[in-house]
Every structure is written in C-alpha cells, then in structure tokens.
C-alpha cells in the first residue's frame, strides 16, 4: 500500500488518506491549540468514521497556561530509581476529549481514539472505562509500557503508526 502511494504521488496523482491517516491528521490539527510546549498533543475520538469530540493539552478552564506563566514541574521517582520530570499544569489531550464528551452527553462506547503517543497510565484507565475499543497512536511514549499492558488485558486494540518513541525536552 505504501509503495502504491509513493508511485501515485510521484505521478502527481491525488492520494486519499486512509481513515486512520485522516483522523490522525485531525488530531495533529487539534494539537495546534495545545498550550504546553513539552508535548503539544491533540486527540480525536470517533465512532463509525464520524468525529465525536476533540481535545488538546491545556490547563483547566480559567487557570493559567504554560505558554503564559511557564511549566509546573513535579519530579517522579520510578521503581528502578530513574527520575523524570512532568508538567502537571495541564490536562492531557485524551482527558480533555473525554471531558468534552461528558459535558456534551456523548457516549464514547465502541469509539476509536487517535493521539500523538501512547496514553499515560491515567488516560489509559479513563479510555478503558469509557468503553473505547481501539487506540491509534502516532508514536510510542517513553513510559507507555504499563498502558500498553493495561490495554492488552482490557481488550483494547492498540495501534502505532511507527515504533518511534516521542522525544521532548527534559524527558
């Protein structure tokens, strides 16, 4: 399929994106609204090829954004002794999309979620409990193995566009 697209593109023919490519493009467009530069990400949740909701990384309504006042970092010490820094000022794109669905009374049952990288553990739990059945990620998250295992155990299909790990400053 990729070879066919390359040949067609070289011939100047219009190439229609797959549904996964199309919805990932929409997630990347939503990410342009993100207000934390450490991982500007967006999310789109669809069902039956129809967009239900979108979300992007940003502070809770009425609170200052990272882009305005800087990051709010917390250090996390992992079981192996590794220390990572996380900005906790913002709500993740997946969480914001799920909140939007709740505010609008939209069920996410049997939905498909598109996002930049493997959802974090908290997002993974919310995704599972919403009844979302498939998660499509552009890349992997450096600390996503626990989420990957939870999705597998819960029967949520997890798809990656590529196996590359998302890189960002201070990871």
C-alpha atoms as a PDB file:
ATOM      1  CA  UNK A   1       0.000   0.000   0.000  1.00  0.00           C
ATOM      2  CA  UNK A   2       2.790   2.446   0.913  1.00  0.00           C
ATOM      3  CA  UNK A   3       4.621   1.642  -2.328  1.00  0.00           C
ATOM      4  CA  UNK A   4       1.452   2.271  -4.344  1.00  0.00           C
ATOM      5  CA  UNK A   5       1.029   5.656  -2.633  1.00  0.00           C
ATOM      6  CA  UNK A   6       4.654   6.589  -3.361  1.00  0.00           C
ATOM      7  CA  UNK A   7       4.263   5.700  -7.045  1.00  0.00           C
ATOM      8  CA  UNK A   8       0.976   7.600  -7.309  1.00  0.00           C
ATOM      9  CA  UNK A   9       2.422  10.646  -5.512  1.00  0.00           C
ATOM     10  CA  UNK A  10       5.400  10.732  -7.870  1.00  0.00           C
ATOM     11  CA  UNK A  11       2.973  10.641 -10.788  1.00  0.00           C
ATOM     12  CA  UNK A  12       1.216  13.707  -9.373  1.00  0.00           C
ATOM     13  CA  UNK A  13      -1.981  11.849  -8.520  1.00  0.00           C
ATOM     14  CA  UNK A  14      -4.113  12.798  -5.534  1.00  0.00           C
ATOM     15  CA  UNK A  15      -3.709  10.245  -2.768  1.00  0.00           C
ATOM     16  CA  UNK A  16      -6.638   9.826  -0.446  1.00  0.00           C
ATOM     17  CA  UNK A  17      -5.567   9.160   3.135  1.00  0.00           C
ATOM     18  CA  UNK A  18      -6.754   6.055   4.931  1.00  0.00           C
ATOM     19  CA  UNK A  19      -9.298   6.643   7.692  1.00  0.00           C
ATOM     20  CA  UNK A  20      -6.551   6.260  10.297  1.00  0.00           C
ATOM     21  CA  UNK A  21      -4.351   8.789   8.474  1.00  0.00           C
ATOM     22  CA  UNK A  22      -7.277  11.198   8.128  1.00  0.00           C
ATOM     23  CA  UNK A  23      -8.242  11.099  11.807  1.00  0.00           C
ATOM     24  CA  UNK A  24      -4.589  11.336  12.897  1.00  0.00           C
ATOM     25  CA  UNK A  25      -4.286  14.497  10.780  1.00  0.00           C
ATOM     26  CA  UNK A  26      -7.294  15.895  12.665  1.00  0.00           C
ATOM     27  CA  UNK A  27      -5.633  15.017  15.987  1.00  0.00           C
ATOM     28  CA  UNK A  28      -2.478  16.818  14.833  1.00  0.00           C
ATOM     29  CA  UNK A  29      -4.581  19.843  13.881  1.00  0.00           C
ATOM     30  CA  UNK A  30      -6.206  19.838  17.348  1.00  0.00           C
ATOM     31  CA  UNK A  31      -2.679  19.751  18.821  1.00  0.00           C
ATOM     32  CA  UNK A  32      -2.023  23.195  17.344  1.00  0.00           C
ATOM     33  CA  UNK A  33      -4.313  24.588  20.086  1.00  0.00           C
ATOM     34  CA  UNK A  34      -2.212  22.987  22.876  1.00  0.00           C
ATOM     35  CA  UNK A  35      -0.798  25.368  25.478  1.00  0.00           C
ATOM     36  CA  UNK A  36       2.143  23.336  26.838  1.00  0.00           C
ATOM     37  CA  UNK A  37       5.192  23.084  24.608  1.00  0.00           C
ATOM     38  CA  UNK A  38       6.501  19.936  26.294  1.00  0.00           C
ATOM     39  CA  UNK A  39       4.199  17.726  24.324  1.00  0.00           C
ATOM     40  CA  UNK A  40       1.765  19.690  22.238  1.00  0.00           C
ATOM     41  CA  UNK A  41      -0.652  16.918  21.508  1.00  0.00           C
ATOM     42  CA  UNK A  42      -4.196  16.558  20.330  1.00  0.00           C
ATOM     43  CA  UNK A  43      -6.799  13.843  20.386  1.00  0.00           C
ATOM     44  CA  UNK A  44      -9.793  12.894  18.276  1.00  0.00           C
ATOM     45  CA  UNK A  45     -12.398  10.305  19.259  1.00  0.00           C
ATOM     46  CA  UNK A  46     -14.563   8.846  16.515  1.00  0.00           C
ATOM     47  CA  UNK A  47     -17.190   6.168  16.084  1.00  0.00           C
ATOM     48  CA  UNK A  48     -18.330   4.717  12.772  1.00  0.00           C
ATOM     49  CA  UNK A  49     -15.968   7.119  10.947  1.00  0.00           C
ATOM     50  CA  UNK A  50     -17.646  10.192  12.477  1.00  0.00           C
ATOM     51  CA  UNK A  51     -15.857  12.622  14.797  1.00  0.00           C
ATOM     52  CA  UNK A  52     -17.437  12.702  18.251  1.00  0.00           C
ATOM     53  CA  UNK A  53     -15.055  15.008  20.162  1.00  0.00           C
ATOM     54  CA  UNK A  54     -11.584  16.504  20.120  1.00  0.00           C
ATOM     55  CA  UNK A  55      -9.173  17.562  22.823  1.00  0.00           C
ATOM     56  CA  UNK A  56      -5.738  19.077  23.274  1.00  0.00           C
ATOM     57  CA  UNK A  57      -3.232  19.613  26.076  1.00  0.00           C
ATOM     58  CA  UNK A  58      -4.173  22.648  28.109  1.00  0.00           C
ATOM     59  CA  UNK A  59      -4.805  23.955  31.604  1.00  0.00           C
ATOM     60  CA  UNK A  60      -8.216  23.575  33.232  1.00  0.00           C
ATOM     61  CA  UNK A  61     -10.703  26.279  32.226  1.00  0.00           C
ATOM     62  CA  UNK A  62      -9.914  29.628  33.825  1.00  0.00           C
ATOM     63  CA  UNK A  63      -6.434  28.641  35.015  1.00  0.00           C
ATOM     64  CA  UNK A  64      -3.189  29.998  33.534  1.00  0.00           C
ATOM     65  CA  UNK A  65      -1.487  28.126  30.695  1.00  0.00           C
ATOM     66  CA  UNK A  66       2.165  27.036  30.473  1.00  0.00           C
ATOM     67  CA  UNK A  67       2.596  29.257  27.436  1.00  0.00           C
ATOM     68  CA  UNK A  68       1.575  32.220  29.639  1.00  0.00           C
ATOM     69  CA  UNK A  69       3.212  31.508  33.022  1.00  0.00           C
ATOM     70  CA  UNK A  70       5.605  28.597  32.499  1.00  0.00           C
ATOM     71  CA  UNK A  71       5.517  24.958  33.458  1.00  0.00           C
ATOM     72  CA  UNK A  72       4.588  23.448  36.815  1.00  0.00           C
ATOM     73  CA  UNK A  73       7.051  20.557  37.149  1.00  0.00           C
ATOM     74  CA  UNK A  74       6.871  17.619  39.521  1.00  0.00           C
ATOM     75  CA  UNK A  75       9.616  15.014  39.775  1.00  0.00           C
ATOM     76  CA  UNK A  76       8.627  11.374  39.753  1.00  0.00           C
ATOM     77  CA  UNK A  77      10.949   8.698  41.150  1.00  0.00           C
ATOM     78  CA  UNK A  78      10.345   5.337  39.487  1.00  0.00           C
ATOM     79  CA  UNK A  79      10.869   1.879  40.998  1.00  0.00           C
ATOM     80  CA  UNK A  80      14.149   1.493  39.110  1.00  0.00           C
ATOM     81  CA  UNK A  81      15.426   4.757  40.642  1.00  0.00           C
ATOM     82  CA  UNK A  82      15.044   6.773  37.439  1.00  0.00           C
ATOM     83  CA  UNK A  83      13.744  10.302  37.998  1.00  0.00           C
ATOM     84  CA  UNK A  84      11.578  12.020  35.390  1.00  0.00           C
ATOM     85  CA  UNK A  85      10.002  15.476  35.308  1.00  0.00           C
ATOM     86  CA  UNK A  86       6.377  16.025  34.374  1.00  0.00           C
ATOM     87  CA  UNK A  87       4.466  19.235  33.800  1.00  0.00           C
ATOM     88  CA  UNK A  88       1.295  18.954  35.889  1.00  0.00           C
ATOM     89  CA  UNK A  89      -0.248  22.314  34.971  1.00  0.00           C
ATOM     90  CA  UNK A  90      -2.164  20.820  32.062  1.00  0.00           C
ATOM     91  CA  UNK A  91      -4.873  18.288  31.377  1.00  0.00           C
ATOM     92  CA  UNK A  92      -3.897  15.716  28.751  1.00  0.00           C
ATOM     93  CA  UNK A  93      -5.498  15.799  25.309  1.00  0.00           C
ATOM     94  CA  UNK A  94      -7.205  12.450  25.901  1.00  0.00           C
ATOM     95  CA  UNK A  95      -8.622  13.650  29.234  1.00  0.00           C
ATOM     96  CA  UNK A  96      -9.897  16.869  27.664  1.00  0.00           C
ATOM     97  CA  UNK A  97     -11.622  14.934  24.862  1.00  0.00           C
ATOM     98  CA  UNK A  98     -13.273  12.619  27.393  1.00  0.00           C
ATOM     99  CA  UNK A  99     -14.359  15.638  29.488  1.00  0.00           C
ATOM    100  CA  UNK A 100     -15.811  17.293  26.390  1.00  0.00           C
ATOM    101  CA  UNK A 101     -17.852  14.153  25.686  1.00  0.00           C
ATOM    102  CA  UNK A 102     -19.121  14.138  29.289  1.00  0.00           C
ATOM    103  CA  UNK A 103     -20.094  17.827  29.133  1.00  0.00           C
ATOM    104  CA  UNK A 104     -21.968  17.254  25.867  1.00  0.00           C
ATOM    105  CA  UNK A 105     -23.580  13.958  26.910  1.00  0.00           C
ATOM    106  CA  UNK A 106     -21.835  11.925  24.196  1.00  0.00           C
ATOM    107  CA  UNK A 107     -21.192   8.236  24.791  1.00  0.00           C
ATOM    108  CA  UNK A 108     -17.742   7.036  23.750  1.00  0.00           C
ATOM    109  CA  UNK A 109     -18.745   3.356  23.808  1.00  0.00           C
ATOM    110  CA  UNK A 110     -17.050   1.432  20.963  1.00  0.00           C
ATOM    111  CA  UNK A 111     -15.142   4.547  19.903  1.00  0.00           C
ATOM    112  CA  UNK A 112     -11.682   4.877  18.393  1.00  0.00           C
ATOM    113  CA  UNK A 113      -9.224   7.350  19.914  1.00  0.00           C
ATOM    114  CA  UNK A 114      -6.423   8.966  17.879  1.00  0.00           C
ATOM    115  CA  UNK A 115      -3.496  10.609  19.691  1.00  0.00           C
ATOM    116  CA  UNK A 116       0.155  11.627  19.377  1.00  0.00           C
ATOM    117  CA  UNK A 117       1.693   8.960  21.626  1.00  0.00           C
ATOM    118  CA  UNK A 118       0.804   6.085  23.932  1.00  0.00           C
ATOM    119  CA  UNK A 119      -1.622   7.446  26.533  1.00  0.00           C
ATOM    120  CA  UNK A 120      -0.284   7.692  30.091  1.00  0.00           C
ATOM    121  CA  UNK A 121      -1.494   5.281  32.770  1.00  0.00           C
ATOM    122  CA  UNK A 122      -4.272   7.603  33.990  1.00  0.00           C
ATOM    123  CA  UNK A 123      -5.511   8.301  30.455  1.00  0.00           C
ATOM    124  CA  UNK A 124      -5.404   4.577  29.677  1.00  0.00           C
ATOM    125  CA  UNK A 125      -7.665   3.834  32.656  1.00  0.00           C
ATOM    126  CA  UNK A 126     -10.144   6.512  31.565  1.00  0.00           C
ATOM    127  CA  UNK A 127     -10.091   5.250  27.976  1.00  0.00           C
ATOM    128  CA  UNK A 128     -10.808   1.695  29.119  1.00  0.00           C
ATOM    129  CA  UNK A 129     -13.662   2.787  31.407  1.00  0.00           C
ATOM    130  CA  UNK A 130     -15.247   4.918  28.638  1.00  0.00           C
ATOM    131  CA  UNK A 131     -15.655   1.804  26.513  1.00  0.00           C
ATOM    132  CA  UNK A 132     -13.259   2.928  23.783  1.00  0.00           C
ATOM    133  CA  UNK A 133     -12.229  -0.192  21.858  1.00  0.00           C
ATOM    134  CA  UNK A 134      -9.301   0.992  19.743  1.00  0.00           C
ATOM    135  CA  UNK A 135      -6.458   3.471  20.288  1.00  0.00           C
ATOM    136  CA  UNK A 136      -4.297   4.679  17.395  1.00  0.00           C
ATOM    137  CA  UNK A 137      -1.040   6.459  18.276  1.00  0.00           C
ATOM    138  CA  UNK A 138       1.401   8.245  16.031  1.00  0.00           C
ATOM    139  CA  UNK A 139       4.375   7.223  18.227  1.00  0.00           C
ATOM    140  CA  UNK A 140       5.207   5.484  21.485  1.00  0.00           C
ATOM    141  CA  UNK A 141       5.531   7.195  24.870  1.00  0.00           C
ATOM    142  CA  UNK A 142       8.813   6.526  26.709  1.00  0.00           C
ATOM    143  CA  UNK A 143       6.889   5.380  29.788  1.00  0.00           C
ATOM    144  CA  UNK A 144       3.992   3.690  27.996  1.00  0.00           C
ATOM    145  CA  UNK A 145       4.623   0.008  28.722  1.00  0.00           C
ATOM    146  CA  UNK A 146       2.172  -0.103  31.641  1.00  0.00           C
ATOM    147  CA  UNK A 147      -0.563   1.448  29.495  1.00  0.00           C
ATOM    148  CA  UNK A 148       0.193  -0.991  26.683  1.00  0.00           C
ATOM    149  CA  UNK A 149      -0.231  -3.893  29.099  1.00  0.00           C
ATOM    150  CA  UNK A 150      -3.482  -2.481  30.522  1.00  0.00           C
ATOM    151  CA  UNK A 151      -4.955  -2.074  27.028  1.00  0.00           C
ATOM    152  CA  UNK A 152      -3.966  -5.646  26.164  1.00  0.00           C
ATOM    153  CA  UNK A 153      -5.538  -7.025  29.351  1.00  0.00           C
ATOM    154  CA  UNK A 154      -8.732  -4.971  28.846  1.00  0.00           C
ATOM    155  CA  UNK A 155      -9.078  -5.998  25.188  1.00  0.00           C
ATOM    156  CA  UNK A 156      -8.473  -2.514  23.757  1.00  0.00           C
ATOM    157  CA  UNK A 157      -6.702  -2.695  20.396  1.00  0.00           C
ATOM    158  CA  UNK A 158      -3.570  -0.525  20.344  1.00  0.00           C
ATOM    159  CA  UNK A 159      -2.076   0.531  17.000  1.00  0.00           C
ATOM    160  CA  UNK A 160       1.090   2.565  16.356  1.00  0.00           C
ATOM    161  CA  UNK A 161       1.837   4.383  13.097  1.00  0.00           C
ATOM    162  CA  UNK A 162       5.501   3.715  13.910  1.00  0.00           C
ATOM    163  CA  UNK A 163       7.520   2.284  16.789  1.00  0.00           C
ATOM    164  CA  UNK A 164       9.500   5.503  17.326  1.00  0.00           C
ATOM    165  CA  UNK A 165       9.463   6.972  20.838  1.00  0.00           C
ATOM    166  CA  UNK A 166       8.232  10.586  21.085  1.00  0.00           C
ATOM    167  CA  UNK A 167      11.089  12.843  22.196  1.00  0.00           C
ATOM    168  CA  UNK A 168      10.715  16.123  24.043  1.00  0.00           C
ATOM    169  CA  UNK A 169      12.836  18.355  26.259  1.00  0.00           C
ATOM    170  CA  UNK A 170      13.512  17.193  29.818  1.00  0.00           C
ATOM    171  CA  UNK A 171      12.084  13.728  29.211  1.00  0.00           C
END
